[in-house]
PDB file of all heavy atoms in Angstrom:
ATOM      1  N   HIS A   1     191.323 189.165  56.089  1.00  0.00           N
ATOM      2  CA  HIS A   1     190.286 190.036  56.663  1.00  0.00           C
ATOM      3  C   HIS A   1     190.439 191.473  56.179  1.00  0.00           C
ATOM      4  O   HIS A   1     190.348 192.441  56.939  1.00  0.00           O
ATOM      5  CB  HIS A   1     190.304 189.979  58.203  1.00  0.00           C
ATOM      6  CG  HIS A   1     190.116 188.599  58.737  1.00  0.00           C
ATOM      7  ND1 HIS A   1     188.914 187.931  58.699  1.00  0.00           N
ATOM      8  CD2 HIS A   1     191.000 187.728  59.299  1.00  0.00           C
ATOM      9  CE1 HIS A   1     189.067 186.710  59.204  1.00  0.00           C
ATOM     10  NE2 HIS A   1     190.317 186.569  59.583  1.00  0.00           N
ATOM     11  N   VAL A   2     190.693 191.580  54.876  1.00  0.00           N
ATOM     12  CA  VAL A   2     190.834 192.871  54.226  1.00  0.00           C
ATOM     13  C   VAL A   2     189.506 193.249  53.564  1.00  0.00           C
ATOM     14  O   VAL A   2     188.794 192.390  53.032  1.00  0.00           O
ATOM     15  CB  VAL A   2     191.959 192.814  53.174  1.00  0.00           C
ATOM     16  CG1 VAL A   2     191.918 194.025  52.252  1.00  0.00           C
ATOM     17  CG2 VAL A   2     193.319 192.711  53.844  1.00  0.00           C
ATOM     18  N   ASN A   3     189.157 194.512  53.587  1.00  0.00           N
ATOM     19  CA  ASN A   3     187.965 195.003  52.897  1.00  0.00           C
ATOM     20  C   ASN A   3     188.329 195.331  51.445  1.00  0.00           C
ATOM     21  O   ASN A   3     189.178 196.191  51.188  1.00  0.00           O
ATOM     22  CB  ASN A   3     187.421 196.247  53.592  1.00  0.00           C
ATOM     23  CG  ASN A   3     187.054 195.970  55.044  1.00  0.00           C
ATOM     24  OD1 ASN A   3     186.235 195.107  55.331  1.00  0.00           O
ATOM     25  ND2 ASN A   3     187.679 196.687  55.976  1.00  0.00           N
ATOM     26  N   VAL A   4     187.697 194.636  50.521  1.00  0.00           N
ATOM     27  CA  VAL A   4     188.075 194.755  49.110  1.00  0.00           C
ATOM     28  C   VAL A   4     186.986 195.459  48.308  1.00  0.00           C
ATOM     29  O   VAL A   4     185.819 195.069  48.360  1.00  0.00           O
ATOM     30  CB  VAL A   4     188.341 193.370  48.495  1.00  0.00           C
ATOM     31  CG1 VAL A   4     188.796 193.513  47.039  1.00  0.00           C
ATOM     32  CG2 VAL A   4     189.379 192.604  49.298  1.00  0.00           C
ATOM     33  N   ASP A   5     187.369 196.488  47.561  1.00  0.00           N
ATOM     34  CA  ASP A   5     186.512 197.109  46.550  1.00  0.00           C
ATOM     35  C   ASP A   5     187.059 196.745  45.174  1.00  0.00           C
ATOM     36  O   ASP A   5     188.268 196.800  44.943  1.00  0.00           O
ATOM     37  CB  ASP A   5     186.505 198.634  46.695  1.00  0.00           C
ATOM     38  CG  ASP A   5     185.571 199.111  47.796  1.00  0.00           C
ATOM     39  OD1 ASP A   5     184.844 198.276  48.380  1.00  0.00           O
ATOM     40  OD2 ASP A   5     185.570 200.327  48.091  1.00  0.00           O
ATOM     41  N   VAL A   6     186.168 196.381  44.279  1.00  0.00           N
ATOM     42  CA  VAL A   6     186.550 196.104  42.896  1.00  0.00           C
ATOM     43  C   VAL A   6     185.858 197.124  42.004  1.00  0.00           C
ATOM     44  O   VAL A   6     184.652 197.348  42.117  1.00  0.00           O
ATOM     45  CB  VAL A   6     186.145 194.680  42.473  1.00  0.00           C
ATOM     46  CG1 VAL A   6     186.502 194.441  41.001  1.00  0.00           C
ATOM     47  CG2 VAL A   6     186.817 193.634  43.360  1.00  0.00           C
ATOM     48  N   TYR A   7     186.637 197.739  41.122  1.00  0.00           N
ATOM     49  CA  TYR A   7     186.068 198.719  40.201  1.00  0.00           C
ATOM     50  C   TYR A   7     186.452 198.339  38.774  1.00  0.00           C
ATOM     51  O   TYR A   7     187.622 198.140  38.463  1.00  0.00           O
ATOM     52  CB  TYR A   7     186.590 200.122  40.510  1.00  0.00           C
ATOM     53  CG  TYR A   7     186.142 201.173  39.510  1.00  0.00           C
ATOM     54  CD1 TYR A   7     184.839 201.665  39.523  1.00  0.00           C
ATOM     55  CD2 TYR A   7     187.015 201.667  38.539  1.00  0.00           C
ATOM     56  CE1 TYR A   7     184.415 202.615  38.607  1.00  0.00           C
ATOM     57  CE2 TYR A   7     186.609 202.622  37.620  1.00  0.00           C
ATOM     58  CZ  TYR A   7     185.307 203.090  37.656  1.00  0.00           C
ATOM     59  OH  TYR A   7     184.886 204.035  36.733  1.00  0.00           O
ATOM     60  N   ASP A   8     185.441 198.225  37.901  1.00  0.00           N
ATOM     61  CA  ASP A   8     185.698 197.905  36.502  1.00  0.00           C
ATOM     62  C   ASP A   8     184.600 198.513  35.643  1.00  0.00           C
ATOM     63  O   ASP A   8     183.459 198.044  35.662  1.00  0.00           O
ATOM     64  CB  ASP A   8     185.757 196.388  36.279  1.00  0.00           C
ATOM     65  CG  ASP A   8     186.329 196.034  34.917  1.00  0.00           C
ATOM     66  OD1 ASP A   8     185.998 196.727  33.939  1.00  0.00           O
ATOM     67  OD2 ASP A   8     187.125 195.063  34.811  1.00  0.00           O
ATOM     68  N   PRO A   9     184.908 199.565  34.876  1.00  0.00           N
ATOM     69  CA  PRO A   9     183.883 200.235  34.067  1.00  0.00           C
ATOM     70  C   PRO A   9     183.350 199.385  32.924  1.00  0.00           C
ATOM     71  O   PRO A   9     182.342 199.738  32.312  1.00  0.00           O
ATOM     72  CB  PRO A   9     184.630 201.473  33.525  1.00  0.00           C
ATOM     73  CG  PRO A   9     186.086 201.096  33.562  1.00  0.00           C
ATOM     74  CD  PRO A   9     186.249 200.196  34.734  1.00  0.00           C
ATOM     75  N   TRP A  10     184.007 198.273  32.612  1.00  0.00           N
ATOM     76  CA  TRP A  10     183.577 197.427  31.506  1.00  0.00           C
ATOM     77  C   TRP A  10     182.603 196.334  31.934  1.00  0.00           C
ATOM     78  O   TRP A  10     181.890 195.775  31.102  1.00  0.00           O
ATOM     79  CB  TRP A  10     184.800 196.756  30.867  1.00  0.00           C
ATOM     80  CG  TRP A  10     185.615 197.672  30.033  1.00  0.00           C
ATOM     81  CD1 TRP A  10     186.597 198.516  30.471  1.00  0.00           C
ATOM     82  CD2 TRP A  10     185.533 197.861  28.620  1.00  0.00           C
ATOM     83  NE1 TRP A  10     187.127 199.211  29.415  1.00  0.00           N
ATOM     84  CE2 TRP A  10     186.488 198.826  28.270  1.00  0.00           C
ATOM     85  CE3 TRP A  10     184.746 197.304  27.606  1.00  0.00           C
ATOM     86  CZ2 TRP A  10     186.678 199.249  26.949  1.00  0.00           C
ATOM     87  CZ3 TRP A  10     184.925 197.720  26.299  1.00  0.00           C
ATOM     88  CH2 TRP A  10     185.878 198.686  25.984  1.00  0.00           C
ATOM     89  N   VAL A  11     182.555 196.025  33.188  1.00  0.00           N
ATOM     90  CA  VAL A  11     181.887 194.817  33.664  1.00  0.00           C
ATOM     91  C   VAL A  11     180.443 195.082  34.093  1.00  0.00           C
ATOM     92  O   VAL A  11     180.140 196.116  34.684  1.00  0.00           O
ATOM     93  CB  VAL A  11     182.698 194.204  34.833  1.00  0.00           C
ATOM     94  CG1 VAL A  11     181.891 193.177  35.606  1.00  0.00           C
ATOM     95  CG2 VAL A  11     183.977 193.566  34.290  1.00  0.00           C
ATOM     96  N   ASP A  12     179.573 194.137  33.792  1.00  0.00           N
ATOM     97  CA  ASP A  12     178.189 194.168  34.255  1.00  0.00           C
ATOM     98  C   ASP A  12     178.147 193.733  35.725  1.00  0.00           C
ATOM     99  O   ASP A  12     178.517 192.614  36.062  1.00  0.00           O
ATOM    100  CB  ASP A  12     177.336 193.224  33.400  1.00  0.00           C
ATOM    101  CG  ASP A  12     175.865 193.242  33.798  1.00  0.00           C
ATOM    102  OD1 ASP A  12     175.500 192.528  34.739  1.00  0.00           O
ATOM    103  OD2 ASP A  12     175.104 193.988  33.161  1.00  0.00           O
ATOM    104  N   CYS A  13     177.701 194.633  36.597  1.00  0.00           N
ATOM    105  CA  CYS A  13     177.734 194.374  38.040  1.00  0.00           C
ATOM    106  C   CYS A  13     176.851 193.192  38.441  1.00  0.00           C
ATOM    107  O   CYS A  13     177.219 192.405  39.320  1.00  0.00           O
ATOM    108  CB  CYS A  13     177.321 195.626  38.809  1.00  0.00           C
ATOM    109  SG  CYS A  13     178.536 196.984  38.649  1.00  0.00           S
ATOM    110  N   ALA A  14     175.706 193.060  37.802  1.00  0.00           N
ATOM    111  CA  ALA A  14     174.801 191.945  38.110  1.00  0.00           C
ATOM    112  C   ALA A  14     175.456 190.612  37.753  1.00  0.00           C
ATOM    113  O   ALA A  14     175.332 189.621  38.480  1.00  0.00           O
ATOM    114  CB  ALA A  14     173.487 192.115  37.359  1.00  0.00           C
ATOM    115  N   GLU A  15     176.179 190.580  36.634  1.00  0.00           N
ATOM    116  CA  GLU A  15     176.874 189.365  36.216  1.00  0.00           C
ATOM    117  C   GLU A  15     177.994 189.020  37.202  1.00  0.00           C
ATOM    118  O   GLU A  15     178.194 187.859  37.554  1.00  0.00           O
ATOM    119  CB  GLU A  15     177.454 189.541  34.807  1.00  0.00           C
ATOM    120  CG  GLU A  15     178.059 188.256  34.239  1.00  0.00           C
ATOM    121  CD  GLU A  15     178.691 188.442  32.867  1.00  0.00           C
ATOM    122  OE1 GLU A  15     178.713 189.584  32.363  1.00  0.00           O
ATOM    123  OE2 GLU A  15     179.188 187.447  32.303  1.00  0.00           O
ATOM    124  N   ALA A  16     178.723 190.045  37.663  1.00  0.00           N
ATOM    125  CA  ALA A  16     179.807 189.831  38.626  1.00  0.00           C
ATOM    126  C   ALA A  16     179.268 189.259  39.930  1.00  0.00           C
ATOM    127  O   ALA A  16     179.876 188.361  40.526  1.00  0.00           O
ATOM    128  CB  ALA A  16     180.553 191.135  38.884  1.00  0.00           C
ATOM    129  N   GLU A  17     178.122 189.763  40.360  1.00  0.00           N
ATOM    130  CA  GLU A  17     177.519 189.262  41.595  1.00  0.00           C
ATOM    131  C   GLU A  17     177.033 187.825  41.408  1.00  0.00           C
ATOM    132  O   GLU A  17     177.219 186.985  42.290  1.00  0.00           O
ATOM    133  CB  GLU A  17     176.375 190.164  42.037  1.00  0.00           C
ATOM    134  CG  GLU A  17     175.820 189.768  43.400  1.00  0.00           C
ATOM    135  CD  GLU A  17     174.855 190.769  43.983  1.00  0.00           C
ATOM    136  OE1 GLU A  17     174.439 191.713  43.258  1.00  0.00           O
ATOM    137  OE2 GLU A  17     174.522 190.634  45.165  1.00  0.00           O
ATOM    138  N   HIS A  18     176.441 187.545  40.257  1.00  0.00           N
ATOM    139  CA  HIS A  18     175.930 186.204  39.981  1.00  0.00           C
ATOM    140  C   HIS A  18     177.050 185.178  39.883  1.00  0.00           C
ATOM    141  O   HIS A  18     176.960 184.077  40.432  1.00  0.00           O
ATOM    142  CB  HIS A  18     175.117 186.212  38.691  1.00  0.00           C
ATOM    143  CG  HIS A  18     174.585 184.859  38.294  1.00  0.00           C
ATOM    144  ND1 HIS A  18     175.235 184.029  37.397  1.00  0.00           N
ATOM    145  CD2 HIS A  18     173.479 184.179  38.708  1.00  0.00           C
ATOM    146  CE1 HIS A  18     174.549 182.909  37.267  1.00  0.00           C
ATOM    147  NE2 HIS A  18     173.477 182.971  38.048  1.00  0.00           N
ATOM    148  N   GLU A  19     178.136 185.536  39.194  1.00  0.00           N
ATOM    149  CA  GLU A  19     179.217 184.591  38.940  1.00  0.00           C
ATOM    150  C   GLU A  19     180.146 184.427  40.137  1.00  0.00           C
ATOM    151  O   GLU A  19     180.620 183.320  40.422  1.00  0.00           O
ATOM    152  CB  GLU A  19     180.036 185.043  37.721  1.00  0.00           C
ATOM    153  CG  GLU A  19     179.291 184.936  36.396  1.00  0.00           C
ATOM    154  CD  GLU A  19     178.932 183.514  36.021  1.00  0.00           C
ATOM    155  OE1 GLU A  19     179.716 182.596  36.332  1.00  0.00           O
ATOM    156  OE2 GLU A  19     177.844 183.322  35.441  1.00  0.00           O
ATOM    157  N   TYR A  20     180.433 185.527  40.839  1.00  0.00           N
ATOM    158  CA  TYR A  20     181.473 185.483  41.872  1.00  0.00           C
ATOM    159  C   TYR A  20     181.032 185.985  43.246  1.00  0.00           C
ATOM    160  O   TYR A  20     181.819 185.984  44.189  1.00  0.00           O
ATOM    161  CB  TYR A  20     182.694 186.296  41.403  1.00  0.00           C
ATOM    162  CG  TYR A  20     183.296 185.761  40.122  1.00  0.00           C
ATOM    163  CD1 TYR A  20     183.200 186.482  38.933  1.00  0.00           C
ATOM    164  CD2 TYR A  20     183.950 184.539  40.094  1.00  0.00           C
ATOM    165  CE1 TYR A  20     183.744 186.004  37.761  1.00  0.00           C
ATOM    166  CE2 TYR A  20     184.493 184.046  38.921  1.00  0.00           C
ATOM    167  CZ  TYR A  20     184.385 184.786  37.751  1.00  0.00           C
ATOM    168  OH  TYR A  20     184.927 184.304  36.588  1.00  0.00           O
ATOM    169  N   GLY A  21     179.784 186.441  43.340  1.00  0.00           N
ATOM    170  CA  GLY A  21     179.292 186.917  44.627  1.00  0.00           C
ATOM    171  C   GLY A  21     179.914 188.212  45.097  1.00  0.00           C
ATOM    172  O   GLY A  21     179.952 188.495  46.291  1.00  0.00           O
ATOM    173  N   ILE A  22     180.416 189.007  44.171  1.00  0.00           N
ATOM    174  CA  ILE A  22     180.980 190.302  44.542  1.00  0.00           C
ATOM    175  C   ILE A  22     180.216 191.428  43.847  1.00  0.00           C
ATOM    176  O   ILE A  22     179.690 191.255  42.740  1.00  0.00           O
ATOM    177  CB  ILE A  22     182.486 190.411  44.203  1.00  0.00           C
ATOM    178  CG1 ILE A  22     182.728 190.238  42.694  1.00  0.00           C
ATOM    179  CG2 ILE A  22     183.294 189.378  44.960  1.00  0.00           C
ATOM    180  CD1 ILE A  22     184.188 190.483  42.308  1.00  0.00           C
ATOM    181  N   GLN A  23     180.160 192.570  44.518  1.00  0.00           N
ATOM    182  CA  GLN A  23     179.480 193.739  43.980  1.00  0.00           C
ATOM    183  C   GLN A  23     180.501 194.824  43.670  1.00  0.00           C
ATOM    184  O   GLN A  23     180.971 195.517  44.576  1.00  0.00           O
ATOM    185  CB  GLN A  23     178.443 194.268  44.978  1.00  0.00           C
ATOM    186  CG  GLN A  23     177.229 193.352  45.148  1.00  0.00           C
ATOM    187  CD  GLN A  23     176.215 193.964  46.104  1.00  0.00           C
ATOM    188  OE1 GLN A  23     176.558 194.380  47.208  1.00  0.00           O
ATOM    189  NE2 GLN A  23     174.962 194.021  45.701  1.00  0.00           N
ATOM    190  N   PRO A  24     180.877 194.991  42.410  1.00  0.00           N
ATOM    191  CA  PRO A  24     181.824 196.058  42.069  1.00  0.00           C
ATOM    192  C   PRO A  24     181.267 197.425  42.438  1.00  0.00           C
ATOM    193  O   PRO A  24     180.056 197.655  42.357  1.00  0.00           O
ATOM    194  CB  PRO A  24     181.987 195.926  40.550  1.00  0.00           C
ATOM    195  CG  PRO A  24     181.580 194.523  40.239  1.00  0.00           C
ATOM    196  CD  PRO A  24     180.505 194.192  41.224  1.00  0.00           C
ATOM    197  N   VAL A  25     182.145 198.330  42.856  1.00  0.00           N
ATOM    198  CA  VAL A  25     181.718 199.692  43.173  1.00  0.00           C
ATOM    199  C   VAL A  25     181.545 200.463  41.871  1.00  0.00           C
ATOM    200  O   VAL A  25     182.231 200.209  40.874  1.00  0.00           O
ATOM    201  CB  VAL A  25     182.723 200.401  44.098  1.00  0.00           C
ATOM    202  CG1 VAL A  25     182.791 199.684  45.439  1.00  0.00           C
ATOM    203  CG2 VAL A  25     184.124 200.490  43.475  1.00  0.00           C
ATOM    204  N   SER A  26     180.609 201.411  41.882  1.00  0.00           N
ATOM    205  CA  SER A  26     180.320 202.176  40.665  1.00  0.00           C
ATOM    206  C   SER A  26     181.078 203.496  40.596  1.00  0.00           C
ATOM    207  O   SER A  26     181.240 204.076  39.525  1.00  0.00           O
ATOM    208  CB  SER A  26     178.818 202.434  40.557  1.00  0.00           C
ATOM    209  OG  SER A  26     178.340 203.063  41.736  1.00  0.00           O
ATOM    210  N   THR A  27     181.517 203.975  41.753  1.00  0.00           N
ATOM    211  CA  THR A  27     182.276 205.229  41.799  1.00  0.00           C
ATOM    212  C   THR A  27     183.514 205.068  42.685  1.00  0.00           C
ATOM    213  O   THR A  27     183.569 204.179  43.537  1.00  0.00           O
ATOM    214  CB  THR A  27     181.422 206.386  42.348  1.00  0.00           C
ATOM    215  OG1 THR A  27     180.913 206.019  43.650  1.00  0.00           O
ATOM    216  CG2 THR A  27     180.260 206.690  41.414  1.00  0.00           C
ATOM    217  N   LEU A  28     184.480 205.937  42.465  1.00  0.00           N
ATOM    218  CA  LEU A  28     185.715 205.907  43.242  1.00  0.00           C
ATOM    219  C   LEU A  28     185.850 207.187  44.051  1.00  0.00           C
ATOM    220  O   LEU A  28     185.516 208.273  43.567  1.00  0.00           O
ATOM    221  CB  LEU A  28     186.921 205.754  42.306  1.00  0.00           C
ATOM    222  CG  LEU A  28     187.006 204.426  41.531  1.00  0.00           C
ATOM    223  CD1 LEU A  28     188.127 204.478  40.504  1.00  0.00           C
ATOM    224  CD2 LEU A  28     187.213 203.275  42.498  1.00  0.00           C
ATOM    225  N   THR A  29     186.342 207.037  45.263  1.00  0.00           N
ATOM    226  CA  THR A  29     186.512 208.182  46.163  1.00  0.00           C
ATOM    227  C   THR A  29     187.991 208.364  46.485  1.00  0.00           C
ATOM    228  O   THR A  29     188.681 207.398  46.829  1.00  0.00           O
ATOM    229  CB  THR A  29     185.729 207.967  47.467  1.00  0.00           C
ATOM    230  OG1 THR A  29     184.367 207.630  47.161  1.00  0.00           O
ATOM    231  CG2 THR A  29     185.744 209.212  48.328  1.00  0.00           C
ATOM    232  N   ASP A  30     188.463 209.580  46.378  1.00  0.00           N
ATOM    233  CA  ASP A  30     189.869 209.876  46.673  1.00  0.00           C
ATOM    234  C   ASP A  30     190.201 209.649  48.146  1.00  0.00           C
ATOM    235  O   ASP A  30     189.322 209.715  49.015  1.00  0.00           O
ATOM    236  CB  ASP A  30     190.206 211.310  46.280  1.00  0.00           C
ATOM    237  CG  ASP A  30     190.313 211.493  44.762  1.00  0.00           C
ATOM    238  OD1 ASP A  30     190.297 210.465  44.039  1.00  0.00           O
ATOM    239  OD2 ASP A  30     190.423 212.647  44.298  1.00  0.00           O
ATOM    240  N   HIS A  31     191.470 209.388  48.418  1.00  0.00           N
ATOM    241  CA  HIS A  31     192.033 209.272  49.771  1.00  0.00           C
ATOM    242  C   HIS A  31     191.334 208.191  50.611  1.00  0.00           C
ATOM    243  O   HIS A  31     191.138 208.354  51.814  1.00  0.00           O
ATOM    244  CB  HIS A  31     191.950 210.630  50.508  1.00  0.00           C
ATOM    245  CG  HIS A  31     192.337 211.804  49.667  1.00  0.00           C
ATOM    246  ND1 HIS A  31     193.581 211.907  49.062  1.00  0.00           N
ATOM    247  CD2 HIS A  31     191.643 212.923  49.306  1.00  0.00           C
ATOM    248  CE1 HIS A  31     193.627 213.040  48.375  1.00  0.00           C
ATOM    249  NE2 HIS A  31     192.464 213.663  48.500  1.00  0.00           N
TER     250      HIS A  31
END
């Protein structure tokens, strides 16, 4: 029950959602 963010500047977000049902974040926030 952990909240997971995935960040990958190389990956197509639409493809990630289609293949694995996850939405990578587009930006990162400190702290």
